[in-house]
Amino acid sequence: MSPPAAPAPGPLLMVAGEASGDLHGARLLAELRRRLPGLSAFGLGGDELAAAGLERLAAASEISVVGLVEALAVLPRARRIFRELLAECERRRPALAVLVDFAEFNLRLARELKRRGVPVVYYISPQVWAWRRGRVADVAERVDEMLVLFPFEEEFYRRHGVRVTWVGHPLVDEVPELEGAWDRGTPAAGEPYRLALLPGSRRSEVAALLPAMLGAAQRLAERVPLRVRLIRAPSLPRELLEEPLAGSGLDVRVVESGRFDAIADCHLALCASGTATLEVGLLRTPMIVLYRLAGWTWLLARLLVRVPHASLVNLVLERGAVPELLQSHAEPEAVAAEAEAILTDPERVAAMRRDLGALRARLGEAGATARAADRVAARLAPGSAGARPAEAAAAAGGPGRFGPEAGR
């Protein structure tokens, strides 16, 4: 007679607030449910997490914005969601909480969860290494384990006594190596350059950046033959794009599927600062990174941020591989001038593509989501079939690296 099946672990709380966190959280939840059949999860997320099986108490889009000023508008709703999550935690008693990025909300939630005895794993680090470094003490107090995407994050947290595992970046698996696609060359005489616009995944980002991108494309089209593609983030309602596109006077193709092929086929991308810069970089498409915030938010960021670059691509590569046009510099004429300078300089394009070719190795080995799932499963059900023996031992205090000199 076979032994009875082990009971499913207690429910899992998952909270993700941004589009990239929603996507990576969904991949993680799907991996966990393969390892631990019967696992239930509830919390805050977007459409991707809901599709992966999260019982969603609220939609992340209700409170996902960029900047301190912009956050004031959604603060009342954020407080209600915060209280609802804690009430459900007291009712359901989750075995573990996995908090994904979304620092302002999730670090406060981690404090309340620890007070209630709920262990916390934090997946995708808040950027305390970039600004408000004093908050690393809060992380050490409130978070049982950090699962980070970048090697420099692991080094930072280890220096500050935080338990941390570098799992690598999921985009290494998600963004394909499109062999040969990056070597586009210069269009033949009279043929158009192909320009990709990636204005972001949040309403506030798009409102701040899309008009400047379209204005730049208008000016660029007066100087060189041009074909424009707008890469729509899955979380972004199409109707949000209709008015600015209609007013641009440009023939813009909106790409809603096959985004990687569309980006890889372009000669240049105008890209909002964020995870999308890594996608574009992994496809070796030259880019200009744009970033704009409300005035007071920008002034505060200037005082607090302590990193040499704004974009993740340049931070990971540890050099200014791609240009960054920030705040007042992200104006249509300046963007168009920079775009023309890049497109008409084959040597600069080749150098940028060479630099971007080093990005994949800097982000670690394939299998990041699986490694993150191993760590979480080991805490949810130590010794179960879902937690590999080595990972269960690591959860009890073993080494945090996913391999000696991995990704270094």
Protein backbone atom coordinates (compact mmCIF):
# COMPACT_ATOMS: atom_id res chain seq x y z
CA MET A 1 0.00 0.00 0.00
CA SER A 2 1.51 3.34 -1.04
CA PRO A 3 1.91 6.01 1.63
CA PRO A 4 -0.64 8.82 1.61
CA ALA A 5 0.24 11.85 -0.50
CA ALA A 6 1.78 14.70 1.41
CA PRO A 7 -0.70 17.52 2.02
CA ALA A 8 -0.32 20.62 -0.10
CA PRO A 9 1.58 23.39 1.71
CA GLY A 10 -0.38 26.23 3.24
CA PRO A 11 -1.47 29.09 0.97
CA LEU A 12 1.07 31.42 -0.57
CA LEU A 13 0.71 35.20 -0.56
CA MET A 14 2.10 36.87 -3.70
CA VAL A 15 2.22 40.62 -4.31
CA ALA A 16 3.44 42.25 -7.54
CA GLY A 17 2.73 45.80 -8.60
CA GLU A 18 4.38 46.49 -11.96
CA ALA A 19 4.03 44.82 -15.35
CA SER A 20 7.50 43.25 -15.27
CA GLY A 21 6.99 42.03 -11.70
CA ASP A 22 3.61 40.60 -12.69
CA LEU A 23 5.20 38.68 -15.56
CA HIS A 24 8.14 37.34 -13.55
CA GLY A 25 5.85 36.53 -10.62
CA ALA A 26 3.54 34.60 -12.93
CA ARG A 27 6.43 32.53 -14.28
CA LEU A 28 7.50 31.81 -10.70
CA LEU A 29 4.01 30.79 -9.59
CA ALA A 30 3.67 28.45 -12.58
CA GLU A 31 6.99 26.78 -11.66
CA LEU A 32 5.91 26.43 -8.03
CA ARG A 33 2.61 24.82 -8.95
CA ARG A 34 4.46 22.28 -11.11
CA ARG A 35 6.63 21.37 -8.14
CA LEU A 36 3.86 21.55 -5.54
CA PRO A 37 0.53 20.40 -7.01
CA GLY A 38 -2.39 21.80 -5.06
CA LEU A 39 -0.54 24.95 -4.02
CA SER A 40 -2.95 27.87 -3.72
CA ALA A 41 -1.94 31.51 -3.95
CA PHE A 42 -3.71 34.80 -3.32
CA GLY A 43 -2.74 38.45 -3.33
CA LEU A 44 -2.16 41.44 -5.60
CA GLY A 45 -1.09 41.18 -9.23
CA GLY A 46 -1.84 41.83 -12.86
CA ASP A 47 -3.35 39.75 -15.62
CA GLU A 48 -0.32 37.45 -15.94
CA LEU A 49 -0.41 36.37 -12.29
CA ALA A 50 -4.17 35.93 -12.46
CA ALA A 51 -3.76 33.66 -15.50
CA ALA A 52 -1.10 31.65 -13.63
CA GLY A 53 -3.59 30.89 -10.85
CA LEU A 54 -3.33 33.77 -8.39
CA GLU A 55 -6.59 34.49 -6.58
CA ARG A 56 -6.40 38.21 -7.12
CA LEU A 57 -7.79 40.39 -4.34
CA ALA A 58 -7.01 43.54 -6.35
CA ALA A 59 -5.49 44.44 -9.71
CA ALA A 60 -1.99 45.89 -9.70
CA SER A 61 -2.94 48.41 -12.38
CA GLU A 62 -5.03 50.27 -9.78
CA ILE A 63 -1.95 51.50 -7.94
CA SER A 64 1.02 51.11 -10.30
CA VAL A 65 2.51 54.53 -11.13
CA VAL A 66 5.96 56.09 -11.47
CA GLY A 67 7.15 58.86 -9.14
CA LEU A 68 6.31 60.24 -5.74
CA VAL A 69 3.99 62.97 -6.98
CA GLU A 70 2.10 60.50 -9.18
CA ALA A 71 1.70 58.11 -6.26
CA LEU A 72 -0.34 60.63 -4.28
CA ALA A 73 -3.31 60.15 -6.60
CA VAL A 74 -3.53 56.41 -5.90
CA LEU A 75 -2.56 56.54 -2.22
CA PRO A 76 -6.11 56.11 -0.80
CA ARG A 77 -6.72 53.01 -2.93
CA ALA A 78 -3.27 51.64 -2.07
CA ARG A 79 -4.05 51.96 1.65
CA ARG A 80 -7.34 50.08 1.23
CA ILE A 81 -5.63 47.28 -0.69
CA PHE A 82 -2.90 47.13 1.97
CA ARG A 83 -5.49 46.66 4.72
CA GLU A 84 -7.38 44.06 2.69
CA LEU A 85 -4.24 41.99 2.14
CA LEU A 86 -3.40 42.01 5.84
CA ALA A 87 -6.98 41.06 6.77
CA GLU A 88 -6.83 38.11 4.37
CA CYS A 89 -3.47 37.05 5.79
CA GLU A 90 -4.92 36.98 9.30
CA ARG A 91 -7.83 34.91 8.01
CA ARG A 92 -5.90 32.47 5.78
CA ARG A 93 -2.56 32.24 7.62
CA PRO A 94 -0.24 31.91 4.58
CA ALA A 95 2.78 29.65 4.95
CA LEU A 96 4.97 32.15 3.10
CA ALA A 97 4.83 35.51 1.35
CA VAL A 98 6.63 36.16 -1.94
CA LEU A 99 6.86 39.90 -2.58
CA VAL A 100 7.92 40.94 -6.08
CA ASP A 101 9.67 44.31 -6.53
CA PHE A 102 7.20 47.24 -5.89
CA ALA A 103 9.35 48.58 -3.05
CA GLU A 104 7.28 51.37 -1.49
CA PHE A 105 4.32 49.05 -1.00
CA ASN A 106 6.08 45.75 -0.39
CA LEU A 107 8.67 46.83 2.16
CA ARG A 108 5.89 48.24 4.33
CA LEU A 109 3.90 45.05 3.81
CA ALA A 110 6.95 42.95 4.77
CA ARG A 111 7.12 44.74 8.13
CA GLU A 112 3.48 43.91 8.92
CA LEU A 113 3.85 40.33 7.73
CA LYS A 114 6.86 39.74 9.99
CA ARG A 115 4.87 41.10 12.93
CA ARG A 116 2.24 38.47 12.13
CA GLY A 117 4.75 35.65 11.87
CA VAL A 118 4.60 35.24 8.07
CA PRO A 119 8.03 34.46 6.54
CA VAL A 120 8.95 36.72 3.62
CA VAL A 121 10.91 35.96 0.45
CA TYR A 122 11.55 39.05 -1.68
CA TYR A 123 11.94 38.37 -5.42
CA ILE A 124 13.48 41.14 -7.55
CA SER A 125 15.21 43.58 -5.28
CA PRO A 126 14.00 47.08 -4.54
CA GLN A 127 16.69 49.47 -5.71
CA VAL A 128 17.99 50.30 -2.26
CA TRP A 129 21.48 50.00 -3.76
CA ALA A 130 20.65 53.02 -5.93
CA TRP A 131 18.91 55.30 -3.44
CA ARG A 132 17.85 55.39 0.22
CA ARG A 133 20.56 52.89 1.12
CA GLY A 134 19.65 53.23 4.77
CA ARG A 135 16.61 51.06 4.00
CA VAL A 136 18.85 48.01 3.68
CA ALA A 137 18.54 47.73 7.46
CA ASP A 138 14.76 47.43 6.98
CA VAL A 139 15.33 44.66 4.44
CA ALA A 140 17.60 42.76 6.84
CA GLU A 141 14.97 43.00 9.58
CA ARG A 142 11.87 42.19 7.53
CA VAL A 143 12.98 39.80 4.76
CA ASP A 144 14.01 36.17 5.32
CA GLU A 145 15.68 35.85 1.91
CA MET A 146 16.31 38.10 -1.08
CA LEU A 147 16.23 36.50 -4.53
CA VAL A 148 18.06 38.94 -6.79
CA LEU A 149 18.55 39.21 -10.56
CA PHE A 150 21.92 40.95 -10.82
CA PRO A 151 25.32 39.92 -9.42
CA PHE A 152 26.05 43.41 -8.06
CA GLU A 153 22.88 43.15 -5.95
CA GLU A 154 24.14 39.97 -4.32
CA GLU A 155 27.43 41.64 -3.44
CA PHE A 156 25.61 44.66 -1.99
CA TYR A 157 23.27 42.64 0.24
CA ARG A 158 26.00 40.30 1.47
CA ARG A 159 28.03 43.33 2.60
CA HIS A 160 25.02 44.41 4.65
CA GLY A 161 24.32 41.05 6.27
CA VAL A 162 21.18 40.18 4.30
CA ARG A 163 20.53 36.57 3.33
CA VAL A 164 20.58 36.67 -0.47
CA THR A 165 20.63 34.36 -3.48
CA TRP A 166 21.52 35.52 -6.97
CA VAL A 167 19.23 33.45 -9.21
CA GLY A 168 20.02 35.25 -12.49
CA HIS A 169 17.63 37.13 -14.75
CA PRO A 170 14.51 35.45 -16.25
CA LEU A 171 14.90 37.46 -19.44
CA VAL A 172 17.84 35.23 -20.40
CA ASP A 173 15.26 32.49 -20.96
CA GLU A 174 12.45 34.68 -22.23
CA VAL A 175 14.29 36.77 -24.84
CA PRO A 176 15.52 34.50 -27.65
CA GLU A 177 18.88 34.72 -29.34
CA LEU A 178 17.73 35.64 -32.83
CA GLU A 179 20.82 34.60 -34.76
CA GLY A 180 21.77 37.11 -37.40
CA ALA A 181 18.80 39.38 -36.73
CA TRP A 182 20.94 41.96 -34.97
CA ASP A 183 23.19 42.47 -37.99
CA ARG A 184 20.73 44.64 -39.90
CA GLY A 185 23.20 46.85 -41.74
CA THR A 186 22.28 50.17 -43.30
CA PRO A 187 19.17 50.32 -45.50
CA ALA A 188 19.72 50.56 -49.24
CA ALA A 189 19.27 53.98 -50.79
CA GLY A 190 15.67 55.09 -50.44
CA GLU A 191 14.75 52.26 -48.09
CA PRO A 192 13.45 53.30 -44.63
CA TYR A 193 15.11 52.92 -41.29
CA ARG A 194 12.94 51.01 -38.82
CA LEU A 195 12.37 52.72 -35.46
CA ALA A 196 10.81 50.99 -32.42
CA LEU A 197 9.06 52.99 -29.70
CA LEU A 198 8.79 51.42 -26.23
CA PRO A 199 7.09 54.07 -24.06
CA GLY A 200 6.67 51.86 -20.97
CA SER A 201 4.02 49.72 -19.33
CA ARG A 202 2.36 52.19 -16.97
CA ARG A 203 -0.04 54.99 -17.77
CA SER A 204 2.14 57.62 -16.12
CA GLU A 205 5.20 56.51 -18.10
CA VAL A 206 3.34 56.60 -21.39
CA ALA A 207 1.85 60.02 -20.64
CA ALA A 208 5.33 61.38 -19.90
CA LEU A 209 7.26 59.73 -22.75
CA LEU A 210 5.05 58.86 -25.73
CA PRO A 211 4.48 62.48 -26.88
CA ALA A 212 8.25 63.08 -26.86
CA MET A 213 8.89 59.83 -28.75
CA LEU A 214 6.30 60.64 -31.40
CA GLY A 215 7.59 64.18 -31.71
CA ALA A 216 11.10 62.85 -32.18
CA ALA A 217 9.88 60.39 -34.81
CA GLN A 218 8.13 63.23 -36.67
CA ARG A 219 11.33 65.27 -36.80
CA LEU A 220 13.46 62.24 -37.71
CA ALA A 221 11.09 61.34 -40.57
CA GLU A 222 11.80 64.78 -42.08
CA ARG A 223 15.52 63.91 -42.26
CA VAL A 224 15.67 60.20 -43.16
CA PRO A 225 13.21 57.66 -44.61
CA LEU A 226 11.50 56.12 -41.59
CA ARG A 227 9.07 53.36 -40.62
CA VAL A 228 7.79 53.45 -37.03
CA ARG A 229 6.63 50.62 -34.79
CA LEU A 230 5.15 51.08 -31.33
CA ILE A 231 5.69 48.06 -29.07
CA ARG A 232 2.65 47.90 -26.79
CA ALA A 233 3.18 46.41 -23.33
CA PRO A 234 0.53 43.74 -22.61
CA SER A 235 -0.67 45.61 -19.52
CA LEU A 236 -1.21 48.86 -21.42
CA PRO A 237 -4.76 49.50 -22.73
CA ARG A 238 -4.73 50.12 -26.48
CA GLU A 239 -7.17 53.01 -26.13
CA LEU A 240 -4.51 54.91 -24.17
CA LEU A 241 -2.44 55.07 -27.36
CA GLU A 242 -5.14 56.04 -29.83
CA GLU A 243 -5.29 59.79 -29.22
CA PRO A 244 -1.53 60.51 -29.27
CA LEU A 245 -1.06 58.28 -32.32
CA ALA A 246 -3.91 59.94 -34.20
CA GLY A 247 -2.49 63.39 -33.45
CA SER A 248 1.06 62.50 -34.50
CA GLY A 249 0.45 62.48 -38.25
CA LEU A 250 2.66 59.37 -38.47
CA ASP A 251 1.80 55.97 -39.90
CA VAL A 252 2.66 53.90 -36.82
CA ARG A 253 2.27 50.15 -36.68
CA VAL A 254 1.25 49.00 -33.18
CA VAL A 255 2.91 45.67 -32.36
CA GLU A 256 0.92 43.50 -29.95
CA SER A 257 2.45 40.09 -30.62
CA GLY A 258 5.85 38.95 -31.80
CA ARG A 259 7.45 41.85 -29.94
CA PHE A 260 10.93 40.34 -29.88
CA ASP A 261 11.02 39.75 -33.63
CA ALA A 262 9.72 43.27 -34.22
CA ILE A 263 12.36 44.86 -31.96
CA ALA A 264 15.17 42.74 -33.39
CA ASP A 265 14.21 43.84 -36.90
CA CYS A 266 14.57 47.54 -36.05
CA HIS A 267 17.65 49.68 -36.56
CA LEU A 268 17.03 51.74 -33.41
CA ALA A 269 14.70 51.82 -30.39
CA LEU A 270 13.53 54.70 -28.22
CA CYS A 271 12.99 52.98 -24.90
CA ALA A 272 11.60 53.97 -21.51
CA SER A 273 14.09 53.30 -18.73
CA GLY A 274 13.27 49.98 -17.05
CA THR A 275 13.18 46.26 -17.78
CA ALA A 276 12.42 46.89 -21.45
CA THR A 277 15.96 48.21 -21.92
CA LEU A 278 17.24 44.73 -21.07
CA GLU A 279 14.90 43.14 -23.62
CA VAL A 280 16.09 45.51 -26.33
CA GLY A 281 19.70 45.02 -25.26
CA LEU A 282 19.48 41.22 -25.33
CA LEU A 283 18.25 41.53 -28.92
CA ARG A 284 21.26 43.78 -29.66
CA THR A 285 19.09 46.56 -31.04
CA PRO A 286 20.77 49.96 -30.61
CA MET A 287 18.71 52.22 -28.36
CA ILE A 288 18.27 55.60 -26.74
CA VAL A 289 16.96 55.40 -23.18
CA LEU A 290 14.46 58.08 -22.12
CA TYR A 291 13.32 58.95 -18.61
CA ARG A 292 11.05 61.73 -17.35
CA LEU A 293 9.47 62.36 -13.95
CA ALA A 294 7.32 65.08 -12.42
CA GLY A 295 9.45 68.07 -11.38
CA TRP A 296 9.48 67.53 -7.61
CA THR A 297 10.08 63.79 -8.02
CA TRP A 298 13.06 64.50 -10.27
CA LEU A 299 14.56 67.00 -7.82
CA LEU A 300 14.26 64.47 -5.01
CA ALA A 301 15.79 61.73 -7.17
CA ARG A 302 18.75 63.99 -7.99
CA LEU A 303 19.41 64.35 -4.27
CA LEU A 304 19.03 60.68 -3.35
CA VAL A 305 20.13 58.50 -6.28
CA ARG A 306 23.71 57.28 -6.09
CA VAL A 307 24.34 55.30 -9.29
CA PRO A 308 26.41 56.26 -12.35
CA HIS A 309 23.71 55.38 -14.91
CA ALA A 310 19.91 55.53 -15.13
CA SER A 311 19.34 52.49 -17.35
CA LEU A 312 19.68 48.86 -16.32
CA VAL A 313 21.63 48.11 -19.51
CA ASN A 314 24.39 50.55 -18.62
CA LEU A 315 24.39 49.51 -14.97
CA VAL A 316 24.82 45.83 -15.86
CA LEU A 317 27.46 46.53 -18.50
CA GLU A 318 29.16 49.01 -16.13
CA ARG A 319 29.62 51.58 -18.86
CA GLY A 320 27.66 54.10 -20.93
CA ALA A 321 26.98 51.66 -23.73
CA VAL A 322 23.75 53.39 -24.80
CA PRO A 323 22.82 57.09 -24.55
CA GLU A 324 20.46 58.24 -21.80
CA LEU A 325 18.35 61.35 -22.32
CA LEU A 326 16.82 62.31 -19.00
CA GLN A 327 14.19 64.84 -18.00
CA SER A 328 14.59 68.10 -19.99
CA HIS A 329 16.98 66.35 -22.39
CA ALA A 330 14.20 63.90 -23.39
CA GLU A 331 12.65 66.51 -25.70
CA PRO A 332 11.68 65.71 -29.31
CA GLU A 333 14.40 67.74 -31.03
CA ALA A 334 17.19 66.41 -28.80
CA VAL A 335 15.96 62.82 -29.20
CA ALA A 336 15.66 63.18 -32.98
CA ALA A 337 19.17 64.65 -33.25
CA GLU A 338 20.64 61.79 -31.20
CA ALA A 339 18.71 59.21 -33.24
CA GLU A 340 19.93 60.67 -36.54
CA ALA A 341 23.52 60.74 -35.25
CA ILE A 342 23.35 57.05 -34.38
CA LEU A 343 21.58 55.85 -37.52
CA THR A 344 23.99 57.65 -39.84
CA ASP A 345 27.16 56.46 -38.06
CA PRO A 346 27.82 52.77 -38.88
CA GLU A 347 30.86 52.62 -36.60
CA ARG A 348 28.84 53.84 -33.62
CA VAL A 349 26.08 51.35 -34.38
CA ALA A 350 28.61 48.50 -34.60
CA ALA A 351 30.21 49.52 -31.29
CA MET A 352 26.83 49.66 -29.55
CA ARG A 353 25.91 46.21 -30.86
CA ARG A 354 29.23 44.80 -29.67
CA ASP A 355 28.63 46.19 -26.19
CA LEU A 356 25.09 44.83 -26.09
CA GLY A 357 26.40 41.43 -27.17
CA ALA A 358 28.06 41.12 -23.75
CA LEU A 359 24.78 41.66 -21.88
CA ARG A 360 23.46 38.10 -21.89
CA ALA A 361 26.51 36.66 -20.13
CA ARG A 362 26.31 39.42 -17.49
CA LEU A 363 22.75 38.39 -16.57
CA GLY A 364 23.67 34.84 -15.56
CA GLU A 365 22.91 31.34 -16.81
CA ALA A 366 19.57 30.14 -18.15
CA GLY A 367 17.04 28.79 -15.62
CA ALA A 368 16.60 31.80 -13.32
CA THR A 369 12.89 31.18 -12.68
CA ALA A 370 13.51 27.52 -11.90
CA ARG A 371 16.22 28.45 -9.39
CA ALA A 372 13.92 30.97 -7.74
CA ALA A 373 11.16 28.32 -7.55
CA ASP A 374 13.60 25.90 -5.93
CA ARG A 375 14.32 28.41 -3.18
CA VAL A 376 10.66 29.18 -2.54
CA ALA A 377 9.59 25.51 -2.68
CA ALA A 378 12.29 24.62 -0.16
CA ARG A 379 10.70 27.06 2.29
CA LEU A 380 7.12 26.05 1.55
CA ALA A 381 7.69 22.30 1.80
CA PRO A 382 11.20 21.36 3.01
CA GLY A 383 12.12 17.82 2.03
CA SER A 384 9.23 17.45 -0.43
CA ALA A 385 9.65 16.27 -3.99
CA GLY A 386 9.16 19.88 -5.05
CA ALA A 387 12.24 21.06 -3.18
CA ARG A 388 15.47 19.54 -4.42
CA PRO A 389 17.65 18.20 -1.58
CA ALA A 390 20.43 20.69 -2.23
CA GLU A 391 17.97 23.56 -2.19
CA ALA A 392 16.32 22.35 1.00
CA ALA A 393 19.74 22.27 2.64
CA ALA A 394 20.48 25.74 1.36
CA ALA A 395 17.23 27.02 2.87
CA ALA A 396 18.51 25.83 6.21
CA GLY A 397 21.70 27.85 5.83
CA GLY A 398 23.72 26.53 2.90
CA PRO A 399 25.42 28.52 0.15
CA GLY A 400 23.35 31.05 -1.77
CA ARG A 401 25.14 31.13 -5.13
CA PHE A 402 23.74 29.08 -7.99
CA GLY A 403 27.16 27.92 -9.03
CA PRO A 404 30.82 28.74 -8.41
CA GLU A 405 31.78 31.83 -10.41
CA ALA A 406 28.37 31.61 -12.13
CA GLY A 407 27.82 34.44 -14.53
CA ARG A 408 31.08 36.13 -13.48
